[in-house]
Amino acid sequence: MGLPGPGLWLKRLWVLLEVAVHVAVGKLLLTLFPDRVKKNILAMGDKTGMTRNPNFSHDNWIPTFFSTQYFWFVLKVRWQRLEDTAELGGLAPNCPVVHLSGQRCNIWDFMQDGWAFKNNVDIRNHQNLQDRLQAAHLLLARSPQCPVVVDTMQNQSSELYAALPERLYIIQEGRILYKGKSGPWNYNPEEVRDVLEKLHS
C-alpha cells in the first residue's frame, strides 16, 4: 500500500482530533448524564435493530462506549475510511481473500462461484491467517446463507472497501450496485434485501 502522502497525514491528524474530542465529550456526558446518553445510544440501537437482538442487552455494549479500546477502534475505522476506493457504480476492487478451506482467491472469483461488546464472542486480534480462519468458523457454525471468505493478513479488502467494522455491498459483474453505510449504526440489511428484490423482479 505504500506510505501515505502529506495530504493523507493531515486528514489523519484531523480525524485523530475529531475522534479524541468525540470520545472525551462522550465520556464526560456519560459520566454527567448517564441516563440521557443511554437513551440516545438505545435510540441509535433501535434504528439498526441492535436492541432487538436477544443475545445483547444494553449492559453489554453501552459501557464499552468512550473507552480507550473504543477510541483506538473508532480511530482505526475512521482512518481506514480515508482510503476507501469502492464507489457506487464504480469498478469493484478485486482484492485477494481466503476461503475457509485455505484456498486463496479474489473477490471477483468468489462472486462467480478490536473493540467489542461485552458478552460477545471473544475474538482476539488475528496474528496470522489461521487465527482469522478459526474466527470465521465461528460465523460458519451459525449457518449463514452465503459463502464465507476472509481477508488476507494484508487487509486489502477491508481497506479498499472501508469495511470496518461492517459494511454491506452488492457487486454484480464487477460493478458496485449497492454500497451500504458503515456499521454498526448505519448497517442496514433491509436496504440490501430491497435492492436484491428489485434486481430479481
N, C-alpha and C. Protein backbone atom coordinates (compact mmCIF):
# COMPACT_ATOMS: atom_id res chain seq x y z
N MET A 1 0.81 -1.19 0.00
CA MET A 1 0.00 0.00 0.00
C MET A 1 0.86 1.26 0.00
N GLY A 2 2.09 1.19 0.50
CA GLY A 2 2.98 2.33 0.49
C GLY A 2 2.69 3.32 1.61
N LEU A 3 3.56 4.31 1.71
CA LEU A 3 3.37 5.34 2.73
C LEU A 3 2.35 6.35 2.27
N PRO A 4 1.51 6.83 3.18
CA PRO A 4 0.53 7.84 2.80
C PRO A 4 1.20 9.17 2.49
N GLY A 5 0.61 9.92 1.56
CA GLY A 5 1.13 11.22 1.19
C GLY A 5 0.83 12.26 2.27
N PRO A 6 1.41 13.47 2.11
CA PRO A 6 1.22 14.51 3.13
C PRO A 6 -0.25 14.89 3.32
N GLY A 7 -1.04 14.88 2.24
CA GLY A 7 -2.46 15.22 2.37
C GLY A 7 -3.19 14.22 3.25
N LEU A 8 -2.83 12.95 3.10
CA LEU A 8 -3.46 11.92 3.92
C LEU A 8 -3.05 12.06 5.38
N TRP A 9 -1.79 12.42 5.63
CA TRP A 9 -1.35 12.61 7.01
C TRP A 9 -2.13 13.74 7.67
N LEU A 10 -2.38 14.82 6.94
CA LEU A 10 -3.15 15.93 7.51
C LEU A 10 -4.59 15.49 7.80
N LYS A 11 -5.16 14.72 6.89
CA LYS A 11 -6.52 14.22 7.12
C LYS A 11 -6.55 13.30 8.34
N ARG A 12 -5.52 12.46 8.47
CA ARG A 12 -5.45 11.57 9.63
C ARG A 12 -5.32 12.35 10.93
N LEU A 13 -4.53 13.41 10.90
CA LEU A 13 -4.38 14.24 12.09
C LEU A 13 -5.72 14.88 12.46
N TRP A 14 -6.44 15.38 11.46
CA TRP A 14 -7.75 15.98 11.71
C TRP A 14 -8.72 14.94 12.30
N VAL A 15 -8.72 13.74 11.73
CA VAL A 15 -9.58 12.68 12.24
C VAL A 15 -9.20 12.32 13.67
N LEU A 16 -7.90 12.27 13.96
CA LEU A 16 -7.44 11.99 15.32
C LEU A 16 -8.02 13.01 16.30
N LEU A 17 -7.96 14.27 15.92
CA LEU A 17 -8.51 15.32 16.79
C LEU A 17 -10.03 15.16 16.95
N GLU A 18 -10.72 14.88 15.84
CA GLU A 18 -12.18 14.69 15.91
C GLU A 18 -12.55 13.54 16.84
N VAL A 19 -11.87 12.42 16.68
CA VAL A 19 -12.18 11.24 17.49
C VAL A 19 -11.84 11.49 18.95
N ALA A 20 -10.72 12.15 19.20
CA ALA A 20 -10.34 12.45 20.59
C ALA A 20 -11.39 13.33 21.26
N VAL A 21 -11.86 14.34 20.55
CA VAL A 21 -12.90 15.22 21.11
C VAL A 21 -14.19 14.43 21.31
N HIS A 22 -14.57 13.63 20.31
CA HIS A 22 -15.78 12.82 20.40
C HIS A 22 -15.76 11.92 21.64
N VAL A 23 -14.64 11.24 21.84
CA VAL A 23 -14.54 10.32 22.97
C VAL A 23 -14.51 11.08 24.30
N ALA A 24 -13.76 12.18 24.35
CA ALA A 24 -13.68 12.96 25.59
C ALA A 24 -15.05 13.53 25.97
N VAL A 25 -15.73 14.11 25.00
CA VAL A 25 -17.06 14.68 25.27
C VAL A 25 -18.05 13.56 25.62
N GLY A 26 -17.98 12.46 24.88
CA GLY A 26 -18.86 11.33 25.16
C GLY A 26 -18.66 10.78 26.56
N LYS A 27 -17.41 10.65 26.96
CA LYS A 27 -17.09 10.14 28.30
C LYS A 27 -17.62 11.10 29.37
N LEU A 28 -17.43 12.39 29.13
CA LEU A 28 -17.91 13.40 30.08
C LEU A 28 -19.44 13.35 30.19
N LEU A 29 -20.11 13.31 29.04
CA LEU A 29 -21.58 13.25 29.06
C LEU A 29 -22.08 11.96 29.70
N LEU A 30 -21.40 10.86 29.42
CA LEU A 30 -21.79 9.58 30.02
C LEU A 30 -21.64 9.62 31.53
N THR A 31 -20.64 10.35 32.00
CA THR A 31 -20.42 10.49 33.44
C THR A 31 -21.45 11.42 34.08
N LEU A 32 -21.71 12.55 33.41
CA LEU A 32 -22.62 13.56 33.98
C LEU A 32 -24.10 13.22 33.77
N PHE A 33 -24.42 12.66 32.62
CA PHE A 33 -25.82 12.40 32.27
C PHE A 33 -25.99 10.96 31.77
N PRO A 34 -25.73 9.98 32.60
CA PRO A 34 -25.74 8.59 32.12
C PRO A 34 -27.08 8.15 31.54
N ASP A 35 -28.18 8.57 32.14
CA ASP A 35 -29.49 8.13 31.64
C ASP A 35 -29.79 8.72 30.27
N ARG A 36 -29.45 9.98 30.08
CA ARG A 36 -29.70 10.64 28.79
C ARG A 36 -28.84 10.01 27.68
N VAL A 37 -27.57 9.77 27.99
CA VAL A 37 -26.67 9.17 27.00
C VAL A 37 -27.15 7.75 26.67
N LYS A 38 -27.53 7.01 27.70
CA LYS A 38 -28.05 5.66 27.48
C LYS A 38 -29.27 5.70 26.57
N LYS A 39 -30.16 6.66 26.81
CA LYS A 39 -31.37 6.79 25.99
C LYS A 39 -31.01 7.07 24.53
N ASN A 40 -30.04 7.95 24.30
CA ASN A 40 -29.62 8.27 22.93
C ASN A 40 -28.97 7.07 22.24
N ILE A 41 -28.13 6.36 22.97
CA ILE A 41 -27.47 5.19 22.38
C ILE A 41 -28.50 4.11 22.08
N LEU A 42 -29.46 3.92 22.97
CA LEU A 42 -30.51 2.93 22.73
C LEU A 42 -31.35 3.31 21.51
N ALA A 43 -31.58 4.60 21.32
CA ALA A 43 -32.33 5.05 20.14
C ALA A 43 -31.57 4.71 18.86
N MET A 44 -30.25 4.89 18.88
CA MET A 44 -29.45 4.51 17.71
C MET A 44 -29.49 2.99 17.51
N GLY A 45 -29.45 2.25 18.61
CA GLY A 45 -29.54 0.80 18.53
C GLY A 45 -30.88 0.33 17.99
N ASP A 46 -31.96 1.03 18.35
CA ASP A 46 -33.29 0.70 17.82
C ASP A 46 -33.31 0.88 16.30
N LYS A 47 -32.67 1.94 15.85
CA LYS A 47 -32.65 2.24 14.42
C LYS A 47 -32.01 1.12 13.61
N THR A 48 -31.00 0.49 14.17
CA THR A 48 -30.27 -0.55 13.44
C THR A 48 -30.76 -1.95 13.75
N GLY A 49 -31.61 -2.09 14.75
CA GLY A 49 -32.08 -3.41 15.14
C GLY A 49 -31.20 -4.07 16.18
N MET A 50 -30.13 -3.40 16.59
CA MET A 50 -29.21 -3.98 17.56
C MET A 50 -29.92 -4.31 18.87
N THR A 51 -30.86 -3.47 19.26
CA THR A 51 -31.54 -3.67 20.54
C THR A 51 -32.55 -4.81 20.47
N ARG A 52 -32.87 -5.28 19.27
CA ARG A 52 -33.80 -6.40 19.13
C ARG A 52 -33.10 -7.76 19.22
N ASN A 53 -31.78 -7.73 19.29
CA ASN A 53 -31.01 -8.97 19.38
C ASN A 53 -31.12 -9.50 20.81
N PRO A 54 -31.74 -10.67 21.00
CA PRO A 54 -31.93 -11.18 22.36
C PRO A 54 -30.62 -11.56 23.06
N ASN A 55 -29.54 -11.71 22.30
CA ASN A 55 -28.26 -12.06 22.91
C ASN A 55 -27.49 -10.86 23.44
N PHE A 56 -27.97 -9.66 23.13
CA PHE A 56 -27.31 -8.45 23.60
C PHE A 56 -28.25 -7.67 24.49
N SER A 57 -27.80 -7.32 25.65
CA SER A 57 -28.54 -6.34 26.43
C SER A 57 -27.71 -5.06 26.40
N HIS A 58 -28.36 -3.96 26.65
CA HIS A 58 -27.62 -2.69 26.58
C HIS A 58 -26.46 -2.67 27.57
N ASP A 59 -26.55 -3.45 28.63
CA ASP A 59 -25.45 -3.50 29.60
C ASP A 59 -24.20 -4.13 29.01
N ASN A 60 -24.36 -4.85 27.90
CA ASN A 60 -23.21 -5.47 27.24
C ASN A 60 -22.45 -4.49 26.37
N TRP A 61 -23.12 -3.48 25.85
CA TRP A 61 -22.42 -2.63 24.90
C TRP A 61 -22.35 -1.16 25.28
N ILE A 62 -23.29 -0.61 25.99
CA ILE A 62 -23.20 0.81 26.34
C ILE A 62 -21.96 1.11 27.18
N PRO A 63 -21.61 0.28 28.18
CA PRO A 63 -20.41 0.59 28.97
C PRO A 63 -19.10 0.56 28.18
N THR A 64 -19.12 -0.05 26.99
CA THR A 64 -17.88 -0.11 26.20
C THR A 64 -17.63 1.18 25.43
N PHE A 65 -18.65 2.02 25.32
CA PHE A 65 -18.50 3.26 24.58
C PHE A 65 -17.57 4.22 25.31
N PHE A 66 -16.79 4.95 24.54
CA PHE A 66 -15.91 6.00 25.02
C PHE A 66 -14.76 5.47 25.88
N SER A 67 -14.48 4.18 25.79
CA SER A 67 -13.32 3.59 26.47
C SER A 67 -12.08 3.79 25.61
N THR A 68 -10.93 3.44 26.16
CA THR A 68 -9.68 3.54 25.39
C THR A 68 -9.73 2.62 24.17
N GLN A 69 -10.25 1.41 24.38
CA GLN A 69 -10.36 0.48 23.25
C GLN A 69 -11.30 1.03 22.19
N TYR A 70 -12.39 1.65 22.61
CA TYR A 70 -13.34 2.27 21.69
C TYR A 70 -12.63 3.36 20.89
N PHE A 71 -11.85 4.21 21.58
CA PHE A 71 -11.11 5.28 20.91
C PHE A 71 -10.23 4.72 19.79
N TRP A 72 -9.42 3.71 20.12
CA TRP A 72 -8.49 3.17 19.12
C TRP A 72 -9.23 2.50 17.98
N PHE A 73 -10.33 1.83 18.29
CA PHE A 73 -11.09 1.17 17.23
C PHE A 73 -11.72 2.20 16.29
N VAL A 74 -12.37 3.20 16.86
CA VAL A 74 -13.02 4.23 16.03
C VAL A 74 -11.97 4.97 15.20
N LEU A 75 -10.82 5.26 15.80
CA LEU A 75 -9.76 5.93 15.07
C LEU A 75 -9.30 5.08 13.89
N LYS A 76 -9.10 3.80 14.12
CA LYS A 76 -8.68 2.89 13.05
C LYS A 76 -9.71 2.87 11.92
N VAL A 77 -10.97 2.78 12.29
CA VAL A 77 -12.05 2.74 11.29
C VAL A 77 -12.10 4.04 10.50
N ARG A 78 -12.04 5.16 11.19
CA ARG A 78 -12.11 6.46 10.51
C ARG A 78 -10.91 6.68 9.60
N TRP A 79 -9.73 6.26 10.05
CA TRP A 79 -8.54 6.38 9.19
C TRP A 79 -8.70 5.50 7.96
N GLN A 80 -9.24 4.32 8.17
CA GLN A 80 -9.41 3.42 7.04
C GLN A 80 -10.37 4.00 6.01
N ARG A 81 -11.40 4.68 6.46
CA ARG A 81 -12.37 5.27 5.54
C ARG A 81 -11.75 6.34 4.65
N LEU A 82 -10.66 6.94 5.10
CA LEU A 82 -9.98 7.93 4.28
C LEU A 82 -9.42 7.31 3.01
N GLU A 83 -9.19 6.00 3.03
CA GLU A 83 -8.61 5.32 1.87
C GLU A 83 -9.63 4.48 1.12
N ASP A 84 -10.90 4.70 1.38
CA ASP A 84 -11.98 3.98 0.72
C ASP A 84 -11.95 4.27 -0.78
N THR A 85 -11.80 3.23 -1.58
CA THR A 85 -11.78 3.42 -3.03
C THR A 85 -13.00 2.80 -3.71
N ALA A 86 -13.84 2.13 -2.96
CA ALA A 86 -15.01 1.47 -3.54
C ALA A 86 -16.13 2.50 -3.68
N GLU A 87 -16.50 2.79 -4.91
CA GLU A 87 -17.53 3.79 -5.19
C GLU A 87 -18.74 3.16 -5.84
N LEU A 88 -19.90 3.61 -5.45
CA LEU A 88 -21.14 3.13 -6.02
C LEU A 88 -21.12 3.33 -7.54
N GLY A 89 -21.38 2.27 -8.27
CA GLY A 89 -21.36 2.32 -9.72
C GLY A 89 -19.97 2.13 -10.32
N GLY A 90 -18.96 2.21 -9.48
CA GLY A 90 -17.58 2.06 -9.95
C GLY A 90 -17.16 0.61 -10.00
N LEU A 91 -15.97 0.40 -10.51
CA LEU A 91 -15.41 -0.94 -10.58
C LEU A 91 -15.08 -1.42 -9.17
N ALA A 92 -15.52 -2.61 -8.84
CA ALA A 92 -15.27 -3.17 -7.51
C ALA A 92 -13.82 -3.63 -7.41
N PRO A 93 -13.10 -3.23 -6.36
CA PRO A 93 -11.74 -3.73 -6.19
C PRO A 93 -11.71 -5.26 -6.13
N ASN A 94 -10.82 -5.86 -6.86
CA ASN A 94 -10.71 -7.32 -6.92
C ASN A 94 -9.63 -7.79 -5.96
N CYS A 95 -9.90 -7.65 -4.68
CA CYS A 95 -8.92 -7.93 -3.63
C CYS A 95 -8.75 -9.42 -3.39
N PRO A 96 -7.57 -9.82 -2.92
CA PRO A 96 -7.39 -11.21 -2.53
C PRO A 96 -8.12 -11.51 -1.22
N VAL A 97 -8.72 -12.69 -1.14
CA VAL A 97 -9.36 -13.18 0.07
C VAL A 97 -9.00 -14.66 0.20
N VAL A 98 -9.36 -15.25 1.33
CA VAL A 98 -9.03 -16.65 1.57
C VAL A 98 -10.30 -17.39 1.94
N HIS A 99 -10.58 -18.46 1.21
CA HIS A 99 -11.72 -19.32 1.52
C HIS A 99 -11.40 -20.08 2.80
N LEU A 100 -12.41 -20.53 3.51
CA LEU A 100 -12.17 -21.20 4.79
C LEU A 100 -11.37 -22.49 4.63
N SER A 101 -11.33 -23.02 3.45
CA SER A 101 -10.51 -24.21 3.20
C SER A 101 -9.03 -23.85 3.14
N GLY A 102 -8.73 -22.54 3.10
CA GLY A 102 -7.35 -22.08 2.98
C GLY A 102 -6.99 -21.69 1.56
N GLN A 103 -7.86 -21.99 0.61
CA GLN A 103 -7.61 -21.66 -0.79
C GLN A 103 -7.68 -20.15 -0.99
N ARG A 104 -6.68 -19.61 -1.66
CA ARG A 104 -6.66 -18.18 -1.94
C ARG A 104 -7.42 -17.91 -3.23
N CYS A 105 -8.18 -16.84 -3.21
CA CYS A 105 -8.91 -16.43 -4.40
C CYS A 105 -9.08 -14.91 -4.33
N ASN A 106 -9.83 -14.35 -5.24
CA ASN A 106 -10.10 -12.92 -5.24
C ASN A 106 -11.59 -12.69 -5.09
N ILE A 107 -11.95 -11.49 -4.72
CA ILE A 107 -13.37 -11.14 -4.54
C ILE A 107 -14.17 -11.53 -5.78
N TRP A 108 -13.67 -11.20 -6.95
CA TRP A 108 -14.44 -11.49 -8.16
C TRP A 108 -14.57 -12.99 -8.37
N ASP A 109 -13.55 -13.77 -8.03
CA ASP A 109 -13.66 -15.23 -8.13
C ASP A 109 -14.77 -15.73 -7.21
N PHE A 110 -14.80 -15.16 -6.04
CA PHE A 110 -15.80 -15.54 -5.05
C PHE A 110 -17.20 -15.20 -5.54
N MET A 111 -17.34 -14.05 -6.18
CA MET A 111 -18.65 -13.64 -6.68
C MET A 111 -19.15 -14.62 -7.72
N GLN A 112 -18.25 -15.08 -8.53
CA GLN A 112 -18.66 -16.01 -9.59
C GLN A 112 -18.97 -17.36 -8.99
N ASP A 113 -18.59 -17.92 -8.47
CA ASP A 113 -18.97 -19.21 -7.94
C ASP A 113 -19.95 -18.95 -6.78
N GLY A 114 -10.54 -5.39 17.67
CA GLY A 114 -10.56 -4.61 18.05
C GLY A 114 -11.28 -4.25 19.05
N TRP A 115 -12.28 -3.43 19.24
CA TRP A 115 -13.34 -3.01 20.20
C TRP A 115 -14.46 -4.02 20.06
N ALA A 116 -14.98 -4.52 21.16
CA ALA A 116 -16.07 -5.49 21.12
C ALA A 116 -16.99 -5.24 22.30
N PHE A 117 -18.23 -5.60 22.11
CA PHE A 117 -19.20 -5.50 23.20
C PHE A 117 -18.90 -6.56 24.25
N LYS A 118 -19.35 -6.31 25.46
CA LYS A 118 -19.27 -7.34 26.48
C LYS A 118 -20.25 -8.44 26.12
N ASN A 119 -20.05 -9.64 26.66
CA ASN A 119 -20.91 -10.78 26.40
C ASN A 119 -20.98 -11.09 24.91
N ASN A 120 -19.91 -10.81 24.21
CA ASN A 120 -19.83 -11.07 22.78
C ASN A 120 -18.88 -12.24 22.58
N VAL A 121 -18.82 -12.74 21.38
CA VAL A 121 -17.83 -13.76 21.06
C VAL A 121 -16.46 -13.12 21.23
N ASP A 122 -15.59 -13.76 21.96
CA ASP A 122 -14.28 -13.19 22.25
C ASP A 122 -13.31 -13.59 21.15
N ILE A 123 -13.03 -12.65 20.26
CA ILE A 123 -12.09 -12.90 19.17
C ILE A 123 -10.95 -11.90 19.32
N ARG A 124 -9.78 -12.42 19.56
CA ARG A 124 -8.60 -11.57 19.70
C ARG A 124 -8.16 -11.07 18.33
N ASN A 125 -7.34 -10.04 18.31
CA ASN A 125 -6.79 -9.59 17.03
C ASN A 125 -6.02 -10.74 16.40
N HIS A 126 -6.24 -10.92 15.13
CA HIS A 126 -5.62 -12.04 14.43
C HIS A 126 -4.12 -11.79 14.25
N GLN A 127 -3.35 -12.76 14.65
CA GLN A 127 -1.90 -12.67 14.48
C GLN A 127 -1.45 -13.31 13.17
N ASN A 128 -2.30 -14.20 12.64
CA ASN A 128 -1.95 -14.89 11.40
C ASN A 128 -3.24 -15.35 10.73
N LEU A 129 -3.09 -15.90 9.55
CA LEU A 129 -4.26 -16.32 8.77
C LEU A 129 -5.03 -17.43 9.48
N GLN A 130 -4.34 -18.31 10.18
CA GLN A 130 -5.03 -19.39 10.89
C GLN A 130 -5.97 -18.82 11.96
N ASP A 131 -5.55 -17.78 12.66
CA ASP A 131 -6.43 -17.13 13.64
C ASP A 131 -7.69 -16.60 12.95
N ARG A 132 -7.49 -15.99 11.82
CA ARG A 132 -8.61 -15.40 11.07
C ARG A 132 -9.56 -16.49 10.58
N LEU A 133 -9.01 -17.58 10.07
CA LEU A 133 -9.86 -18.68 9.60
C LEU A 133 -10.62 -19.32 10.77
N GLN A 134 -9.96 -19.45 11.90
CA GLN A 134 -10.61 -20.02 13.08
C GLN A 134 -11.78 -19.13 13.52
N ALA A 135 -11.59 -17.82 13.48
CA ALA A 135 -12.67 -16.89 13.84
C ALA A 135 -13.83 -17.00 12.85
N ALA A 136 -13.51 -17.18 11.59
CA ALA A 136 -14.57 -17.30 10.57
C ALA A 136 -15.41 -18.55 10.79
N HIS A 137 -14.80 -19.58 11.33
CA HIS A 137 -15.56 -20.81 11.60
C HIS A 137 -16.64 -20.58 12.66
N LEU A 138 -16.44 -19.60 13.53
CA LEU A 138 -17.49 -19.26 14.50
C LEU A 138 -18.73 -18.75 13.76
N LEU A 139 -18.51 -17.96 12.73
CA LEU A 139 -19.63 -17.49 11.91
C LEU A 139 -20.24 -18.65 11.13
N LEU A 140 -19.40 -19.48 10.59
CA LEU A 140 -19.87 -20.62 9.80
C LEU A 140 -20.75 -21.54 10.64
N ALA A 141 -20.45 -21.65 11.92
CA ALA A 141 -21.23 -22.51 12.82
C ALA A 141 -22.67 -22.01 12.96
N ARG A 142 -22.91 -20.76 12.62
CA ARG A 142 -24.27 -20.20 12.70
C ARG A 142 -25.04 -20.37 11.39
N SER A 143 -24.47 -21.13 10.47
CA SER A 143 -25.10 -21.48 9.19
C SER A 143 -25.56 -20.25 8.40
N PRO A 144 -24.64 -19.37 8.04
CA PRO A 144 -25.04 -18.23 7.22
C PRO A 144 -25.52 -18.73 5.86
N GLN A 145 -26.36 -17.95 5.23
CA GLN A 145 -26.92 -18.37 3.95
C GLN A 145 -26.11 -17.82 2.78
N CYS A 146 -24.82 -17.71 3.00
CA CYS A 146 -23.93 -17.23 1.93
C CYS A 146 -22.55 -17.83 2.16
N PRO A 147 -21.74 -17.87 1.12
CA PRO A 147 -20.36 -18.34 1.32
C PRO A 147 -19.61 -17.39 2.24
N VAL A 148 -18.62 -17.91 2.93
CA VAL A 148 -17.81 -17.11 3.85
C VAL A 148 -16.36 -17.17 3.41
N VAL A 149 -15.74 -16.01 3.27
CA VAL A 149 -14.31 -15.91 2.99
C VAL A 149 -13.73 -14.90 3.98
N VAL A 150 -12.42 -14.88 4.10
CA VAL A 150 -11.76 -13.93 4.99
C VAL A 150 -10.75 -13.12 4.20
N ASP A 151 -10.45 -11.96 4.70
CA ASP A 151 -9.44 -11.10 4.10
C ASP A 151 -8.06 -11.71 4.36
N THR A 152 -7.11 -11.37 3.53
CA THR A 152 -5.73 -11.79 3.78
C THR A 152 -5.19 -10.99 4.95
N MET A 153 -4.03 -11.33 5.42
CA MET A 153 -3.43 -10.60 6.55
C MET A 153 -2.95 -9.20 6.15
N GLN A 154 -2.93 -8.92 4.86
CA GLN A 154 -2.60 -7.56 4.42
C GLN A 154 -3.82 -6.63 4.51
N ASN A 155 -5.00 -7.20 4.76
CA ASN A 155 -6.25 -6.45 4.96
C ASN A 155 -6.63 -5.57 3.77
N GLN A 156 -6.26 -5.99 2.60
CA GLN A 156 -6.52 -5.18 1.41
C GLN A 156 -8.01 -5.00 1.16
N SER A 157 -8.79 -6.06 1.30
CA SER A 157 -10.24 -5.95 1.07
C SER A 157 -10.86 -4.99 2.08
N SER A 158 -10.49 -5.15 3.31
CA SER A 158 -11.02 -4.29 4.36
C SER A 158 -10.69 -2.82 4.10
N GLU A 159 -9.47 -2.57 3.64
CA GLU A 159 -9.06 -1.19 3.38
C GLU A 159 -9.76 -0.62 2.15
N LEU A 160 -9.74 -1.35 1.05
CA LEU A 160 -10.31 -0.80 -0.19
C LEU A 160 -11.83 -0.65 -0.12
N TYR A 161 -12.47 -1.52 0.63
CA TYR A 161 -13.93 -1.43 0.76
C TYR A 161 -14.35 -0.67 2.02
N ALA A 162 -13.39 -0.17 2.80
CA ALA A 162 -13.68 0.53 4.06
C ALA A 162 -14.71 -0.26 4.85
N ALA A 163 -14.37 -1.51 5.11
CA ALA A 163 -15.35 -2.46 5.64
C ALA A 163 -15.39 -2.56 7.16
N LEU A 164 -14.52 -1.89 7.88
CA LEU A 164 -14.58 -1.99 9.33
C LEU A 164 -15.60 -1.03 9.90
N PRO A 165 -16.36 -1.37 10.91
CA PRO A 165 -16.45 -2.71 11.47
C PRO A 165 -17.31 -3.64 10.64
N GLU A 166 -18.22 -3.07 9.85
CA GLU A 166 -19.03 -3.89 8.96
C GLU A 166 -19.63 -3.00 7.88
N ARG A 167 -19.77 -3.55 6.72
CA ARG A 167 -20.38 -2.80 5.62
C ARG A 167 -20.87 -3.82 4.60
N LEU A 168 -22.02 -3.56 4.05
CA LEU A 168 -22.60 -4.46 3.06
C LEU A 168 -22.48 -3.86 1.66
N TYR A 169 -22.15 -4.71 0.71
CA TYR A 169 -22.07 -4.32 -0.69
C TYR A 169 -22.86 -5.32 -1.52
N ILE A 170 -23.35 -4.86 -2.65
CA ILE A 170 -23.86 -5.76 -3.69
C ILE A 170 -23.01 -5.49 -4.91
N ILE A 171 -22.36 -6.53 -5.39
CA ILE A 171 -21.47 -6.42 -6.55
C ILE A 171 -21.99 -7.37 -7.61
N GLN A 172 -22.16 -6.86 -8.80
CA GLN A 172 -22.62 -7.69 -9.91
C GLN A 172 -21.77 -7.38 -11.13
N GLU A 173 -21.24 -8.42 -11.72
CA GLU A 173 -20.39 -8.30 -12.91
C GLU A 173 -19.26 -7.29 -12.68
N GLY A 174 -18.70 -7.31 -11.48
CA GLY A 174 -17.56 -6.46 -11.18
C GLY A 174 -17.90 -5.02 -10.86
N ARG A 175 -19.17 -4.66 -10.84
CA ARG A 175 -19.60 -3.29 -10.54
C ARG A 175 -20.31 -3.25 -9.20
N ILE A 176 -20.10 -2.17 -8.48
CA ILE A 176 -20.76 -1.99 -7.19
C ILE A 176 -22.15 -1.42 -7.43
N LEU A 177 -23.17 -2.22 -7.14
CA LEU A 177 -24.55 -1.79 -7.31
C LEU A 177 -25.13 -1.20 -6.03
N TYR A 178 -24.57 -1.60 -4.91
CA TYR A 178 -25.03 -1.08 -3.62
C TYR A 178 -23.83 -0.98 -2.70
N LYS A 179 -23.69 0.17 -2.06
CA LYS A 179 -22.65 0.36 -1.06
C LYS A 179 -23.35 0.84 0.21
N GLY A 180 -23.44 -0.04 1.18
CA GLY A 180 -24.10 0.31 2.43
C GLY A 180 -23.25 1.25 3.26
N LYS A 181 -23.90 1.88 4.18
CA LYS A 181 -23.17 2.74 5.12
C LYS A 181 -22.48 1.84 6.13
N SER A 182 -21.48 2.39 6.79
CA SER A 182 -20.72 1.57 7.73
C SER A 182 -21.51 1.33 9.01
N GLY A 183 -21.27 0.18 9.60
CA GLY A 183 -21.95 -0.19 10.84
C GLY A 183 -21.17 0.28 12.04
N PRO A 184 -21.69 0.06 13.22
CA PRO A 184 -22.93 -0.66 13.44
C PRO A 184 -24.18 0.21 13.32
N TRP A 185 -24.06 1.53 13.42
CA TRP A 185 -25.27 2.36 13.46
C TRP A 185 -25.95 2.50 12.10
N ASN A 186 -25.21 2.45 11.04
CA ASN A 186 -25.81 2.68 9.73
C ASN A 186 -25.90 1.41 8.89
N TYR A 187 -25.65 0.28 9.50
CA TYR A 187 -25.70 -1.02 8.87
C TYR A 187 -27.16 -1.38 8.65
N ASN A 188 -27.57 -1.64 7.40
CA ASN A 188 -29.00 -1.82 7.14
C ASN A 188 -29.25 -2.99 6.19
N PRO A 189 -29.39 -4.20 6.73
CA PRO A 189 -29.66 -5.37 5.88
C PRO A 189 -30.97 -5.25 5.09
N GLU A 190 -31.92 -4.49 5.62
CA GLU A 190 -33.20 -4.34 4.90
C GLU A 190 -33.00 -3.62 3.57
N GLU A 191 -32.09 -2.65 3.53
CA GLU A 191 -31.78 -1.99 2.26
C GLU A 191 -31.24 -2.99 1.25
N VAL A 192 -30.38 -3.87 1.73
CA VAL A 192 -29.80 -4.89 0.84
C VAL A 192 -30.91 -5.78 0.29
N ARG A 193 -31.81 -6.20 1.17
CA ARG A 193 -32.93 -7.03 0.74
C ARG A 193 -33.75 -6.32 -0.34
N ASP A 194 -34.03 -5.03 -0.12
CA ASP A 194 -34.82 -4.27 -1.10
C ASP A 194 -34.12 -4.21 -2.45
N VAL A 195 -32.81 -3.94 -2.43
CA VAL A 195 -32.06 -3.85 -3.68
C VAL A 195 -32.05 -5.20 -4.39
N LEU A 196 -31.81 -6.27 -3.64
CA LEU A 196 -31.79 -7.60 -4.25
C LEU A 196 -33.15 -7.98 -4.82
N GLU A 197 -34.21 -7.63 -4.11
CA GLU A 197 -35.55 -7.94 -4.62
C GLU A 197 -35.83 -7.18 -5.91
N LYS A 198 -35.38 -5.93 -5.98
CA LYS A 198 -35.57 -5.15 -7.21
C LYS A 198 -34.76 -5.74 -8.36
N LEU A 199 -33.56 -6.22 -8.06
CA LEU A 199 -32.72 -6.82 -9.10
C LEU A 199 -33.32 -8.10 -9.66
N HIS A 200 -34.02 -8.83 -8.81
CA HIS A 200 -34.56 -10.13 -9.22
C HIS A 200 -36.04 -10.06 -9.60
N SER A 201 -36.60 -8.86 -9.68
CA SER A 201 -38.02 -8.77 -10.05
C SER A 201 -38.18 -8.48 -11.53
